[in-house]
N, C-alpha and C. Protein backbone atom coordinates (compact mmCIF):
# COMPACT_ATOMS: atom_id res chain seq x y z
N MET A 1 12.05 3.50 15.51
CA MET A 1 12.43 3.95 16.76
C MET A 1 12.65 2.94 17.49
N GLU A 2 13.58 2.88 18.39
CA GLU A 2 13.79 1.85 19.48
C GLU A 2 12.78 2.09 20.40
N GLU A 3 12.27 1.05 21.00
CA GLU A 3 10.95 1.00 21.80
C GLU A 3 11.52 1.64 23.19
N LYS A 4 12.62 1.17 23.65
CA LYS A 4 13.01 1.61 25.10
C LYS A 4 13.18 3.04 24.89
N GLY A 5 13.80 3.77 23.91
CA GLY A 5 14.16 5.15 23.64
C GLY A 5 12.68 5.76 23.71
N PHE A 6 11.89 5.22 23.01
CA PHE A 6 10.52 6.06 22.79
C PHE A 6 9.70 6.01 24.26
N TYR A 7 9.93 5.10 25.19
CA TYR A 7 9.20 4.98 26.38
C TYR A 7 10.07 6.17 27.26
N ASN A 8 11.43 6.05 27.28
CA ASN A 8 12.07 6.93 27.96
C ASN A 8 11.80 8.38 27.73
N LYS A 9 11.75 8.82 26.35
CA LYS A 9 11.36 10.09 26.03
C LYS A 9 10.10 10.44 26.52
N PHE A 10 8.95 9.55 26.16
CA PHE A 10 7.69 9.75 26.51
C PHE A 10 7.63 9.83 28.05
N GLU A 11 8.17 9.04 29.00
CA GLU A 11 8.15 9.51 30.43
C GLU A 11 8.75 10.80 30.96
N THR A 12 9.54 11.20 30.14
CA THR A 12 10.28 12.60 30.44
C THR A 12 9.32 13.70 30.11
N LEU A 13 8.35 13.40 29.59
CA LEU A 13 7.42 14.67 29.23
C LEU A 13 6.58 14.97 30.12
N PRO A 14 6.25 15.99 30.60
CA PRO A 14 5.02 16.46 31.44
C PRO A 14 3.78 15.69 31.16
N LEU A 15 2.84 15.47 32.09
CA LEU A 15 1.70 14.83 31.94
C LEU A 15 0.97 15.21 31.01
N GLU A 16 0.57 16.75 30.82
CA GLU A 16 0.00 17.25 29.89
C GLU A 16 0.42 16.82 28.46
N ALA A 17 1.78 17.03 28.17
CA ALA A 17 2.39 16.61 26.77
C ALA A 17 2.10 15.22 26.59
N GLN A 18 2.27 14.15 27.66
CA GLN A 18 2.00 12.82 27.50
C GLN A 18 0.50 12.59 26.96
N LYS A 19 -0.39 13.30 27.37
CA LYS A 19 -1.65 13.22 27.04
C LYS A 19 -2.05 13.52 25.67
N GLN A 20 -1.13 14.69 25.23
CA GLN A 20 -1.08 15.37 23.72
C GLN A 20 -0.65 14.06 22.80
N VAL A 21 0.59 13.57 23.41
CA VAL A 21 1.00 12.44 22.32
C VAL A 21 0.06 11.16 22.29
N LEU A 22 -0.66 10.94 23.40
CA LEU A 22 -1.62 9.93 23.36
C LEU A 22 -3.00 10.14 22.39
N THR A 23 -3.31 11.45 22.46
CA THR A 23 -4.34 11.94 21.47
C THR A 23 -3.94 11.85 20.08
N PHE A 24 -2.69 12.28 19.80
CA PHE A 24 -2.01 12.52 18.62
C PHE A 24 -2.04 10.77 18.10
N MET A 25 -1.71 9.90 18.95
CA MET A 25 -1.33 8.47 18.43
C MET A 25 -2.85 7.88 18.25
N ASP A 26 -3.72 8.31 18.91
CA ASP A 26 -5.05 7.77 18.51
C ASP A 26 -5.86 8.36 17.36
N PHE A 27 -5.65 9.57 16.87
CA PHE A 27 -5.72 10.20 15.78
C PHE A 27 -5.28 9.54 14.47
N LEU A 28 -3.87 9.33 14.67
CA LEU A 28 -3.30 8.29 13.65
C LEU A 28 -3.58 7.15 13.54
N GLN A 29 -4.02 6.15 14.61
CA GLN A 29 -4.65 5.13 14.45
C GLN A 29 -5.96 4.90 13.75
N LYS A 30 -6.70 5.92 14.11
CA LYS A 30 -7.88 6.00 13.47
C LYS A 30 -7.86 6.37 11.78
N LYS A 31 -6.93 7.36 11.37
CA LYS A 31 -6.73 7.74 10.29
C LYS A 31 -6.28 6.58 9.28
N TYR A 32 -5.45 5.75 9.93
CA TYR A 32 -4.76 4.54 9.21
C TYR A 32 -5.68 3.45 9.16
N GLU A 33 -6.46 3.23 10.14
CA GLU A 33 -7.51 2.25 10.02
C GLU A 33 -8.53 2.51 9.01
N LEU A 34 -9.03 3.72 8.95
CA LEU A 34 -9.96 4.19 7.86
C LEU A 34 -9.41 3.86 6.55
N ASN A 35 -8.16 3.97 6.33
CA ASN A 35 -7.64 3.95 5.12
C ASN A 35 -7.24 2.52 4.68
N LEU A 36 -7.07 1.69 5.59
CA LEU A 36 -7.06 0.29 5.37
C LEU A 36 -8.42 -0.26 5.14
N LYS A 37 -9.35 0.09 5.67
CA LYS A 37 -10.70 -0.15 5.68
C LYS A 37 -11.17 0.02 4.00
N LYS A 38 -11.01 1.30 3.75
CA LYS A 38 -11.26 1.68 2.58
C LYS A 38 -10.47 0.94 1.36
N ASN A 39 -9.26 0.80 1.61
CA ASN A 39 -8.57 -0.03 0.58
C ASN A 39 -8.82 -1.56 0.59
N ARG A 40 -9.44 -2.09 1.65
CA ARG A 40 -9.87 -3.44 1.59
C ARG A 40 -11.10 -3.89 0.75
N GLY A 41 -12.02 -2.90 0.67
CA GLY A 41 -13.26 -3.00 0.15
C GLY A 41 -13.03 -2.98 -1.65
N LYS A 42 -12.05 -2.28 -1.91
CA LYS A 42 -11.61 -2.21 -3.39
C LYS A 42 -11.06 -3.27 -4.02
N LYS A 43 -11.81 -3.58 -5.11
CA LYS A 43 -11.36 -4.68 -5.88
C LYS A 43 -10.22 -4.39 -6.87
N SER A 44 -9.16 -5.19 -7.16
CA SER A 44 -8.23 -4.82 -8.09
C SER A 44 -8.82 -4.57 -9.27
N ILE A 45 -8.42 -3.65 -10.37
CA ILE A 45 -9.16 -3.50 -11.64
C ILE A 45 -9.04 -4.84 -12.35
N ALA A 46 -8.20 -5.73 -12.25
CA ALA A 46 -8.02 -7.07 -13.06
C ALA A 46 -9.14 -7.96 -12.77
N LYS A 47 -9.86 -7.54 -11.59
CA LYS A 47 -10.99 -8.69 -11.17
C LYS A 47 -12.44 -8.04 -11.46
N HIS A 48 -12.45 -6.81 -12.14
CA HIS A 48 -13.62 -6.53 -12.52
C HIS A 48 -14.16 -7.06 -14.07
N ARG A 49 -15.45 -7.26 -14.07
CA ARG A 49 -15.99 -8.00 -15.07
C ARG A 49 -15.62 -7.47 -16.69
N PHE A 50 -15.48 -6.31 -16.61
CA PHE A 50 -15.10 -5.84 -18.03
C PHE A 50 -13.90 -6.00 -18.69
N VAL A 51 -12.95 -6.32 -17.67
CA VAL A 51 -11.42 -6.39 -18.05
C VAL A 51 -11.39 -7.73 -18.98
N GLY A 52 -10.89 -7.54 -20.28
CA GLY A 52 -10.78 -8.59 -21.19
C GLY A 52 -12.02 -8.71 -22.06
N LEU A 53 -12.80 -7.75 -21.86
CA LEU A 53 -14.00 -7.93 -22.77
C LEU A 53 -13.85 -8.01 -24.09
N TRP A 54 -12.86 -7.37 -24.57
CA TRP A 54 -12.62 -7.16 -26.10
C TRP A 54 -11.44 -8.13 -26.49
N GLU A 55 -10.75 -8.92 -25.74
CA GLU A 55 -9.49 -9.38 -25.91
C GLU A 55 -9.52 -10.45 -27.06
N ASP A 56 -10.67 -10.97 -27.63
CA ASP A 56 -10.50 -11.74 -28.80
C ASP A 56 -11.04 -10.91 -30.18
N ARG A 57 -11.11 -9.70 -29.91
CA ARG A 57 -11.22 -8.69 -31.17
C ARG A 57 -9.97 -8.47 -31.93
N LYS A 58 -10.15 -8.81 -33.20
CA LYS A 58 -8.92 -8.60 -33.97
C LYS A 58 -8.67 -7.44 -34.44
N ASP A 59 -9.92 -6.75 -34.52
CA ASP A 59 -10.13 -5.21 -35.20
C ASP A 59 -9.63 -4.29 -34.06
N LEU A 60 -9.45 -4.65 -32.94
CA LEU A 60 -8.89 -3.55 -31.88
C LEU A 60 -7.37 -3.81 -31.47
N GLU A 61 -6.75 -4.80 -32.35
CA GLU A 61 -5.42 -4.85 -31.67
C GLU A 61 -4.81 -3.59 -31.96
N ASP A 62 -4.85 -2.82 -32.75
CA ASP A 62 -4.18 -1.40 -33.00
C ASP A 62 -5.41 -0.42 -32.59
N SER A 63 -5.70 0.02 -31.27
CA SER A 63 -6.72 0.71 -31.00
C SER A 63 -6.69 1.99 -31.80
N SER A 64 -5.64 2.65 -31.89
CA SER A 64 -5.31 3.92 -32.50
C SER A 64 -5.93 4.08 -33.79
N GLN A 65 -5.63 2.80 -34.72
CA GLN A 65 -6.05 2.70 -35.93
C GLN A 65 -7.51 2.58 -35.87
N TRP A 66 -8.09 1.65 -35.08
CA TRP A 66 -9.48 1.59 -34.89
C TRP A 66 -10.25 2.67 -34.81
N VAL A 67 -9.77 3.50 -33.94
CA VAL A 67 -10.21 4.92 -33.69
C VAL A 67 -10.42 5.76 -34.90
N ARG A 68 -9.17 5.77 -35.68
CA ARG A 68 -8.89 6.54 -36.91
C ARG A 68 -9.95 6.01 -37.94
N ASN A 69 -9.86 4.80 -38.15
CA ASN A 69 -11.09 4.14 -39.21
C ASN A 69 -12.59 4.48 -38.93
N LEU A 70 -12.80 4.45 -37.47
CA LEU A 70 -14.01 4.99 -37.22
C LEU A 70 -14.26 6.21 -37.24
N SER A 71 -13.37 7.16 -36.98
CA SER A 71 -13.68 8.69 -37.20
C SER A 71 -13.91 8.71 -38.76
N LYS A 72 -13.04 8.27 -39.56
CA LYS A 72 -13.32 8.35 -41.14
C LYS A 72 -14.54 7.88 -41.67
N LYS A 73 -14.95 6.85 -41.18
CA LYS A 73 -16.33 6.34 -41.53
C LYS A 73 -17.42 7.30 -41.03
N GLU A 74 -17.46 7.83 -39.70
CA GLU A 74 -18.44 8.65 -38.99
C GLU A 74 -18.37 9.84 -39.92
N TRP A 75 -17.46 10.41 -40.07
CA TRP A 75 -17.12 11.86 -40.91
C TRP A 75 -17.52 11.77 -42.46
N LYS A 76 -17.55 10.83 -43.01
CA LYS A 76 -18.19 10.32 -44.23
C LYS A 76 -19.48 10.43 -44.40
N GLU A 77 -20.25 9.69 -43.05
CA GLU A 77 -21.58 9.58 -43.08
C GLU A 77 -22.10 11.10 -42.72
N ILE A 78 -21.41 11.78 -42.01
CA ILE A 78 -21.77 13.18 -41.65
C ILE A 78 -22.18 14.09 -42.95
N GLY A 79 -20.91 13.84 -44.05
CA GLY A 79 -20.81 14.67 -45.02
C GLY A 79 -21.77 14.20 -46.28
N ARG A 80 -22.63 13.13 -45.94
CA ARG A 80 -23.54 12.96 -47.09
C ARG A 80 -24.79 13.70 -47.14
């Protein structure tokens, strides 16, 4: 929105409406400041220590196959 147009519209409002606009603007500022603060403290998932933990494991290249093999092994042991 054009700055001049905003001020012109704002100034044409009654004093009570101007107060409401300012109150709403304060609310929005606080809301978005909180969101920014929350997001600033979060690490990117790529920066967590567990990322890459299994990258050298050749048996996990096909994770679906690894799970199938593990399930077969476990079910065989249960059946004994």
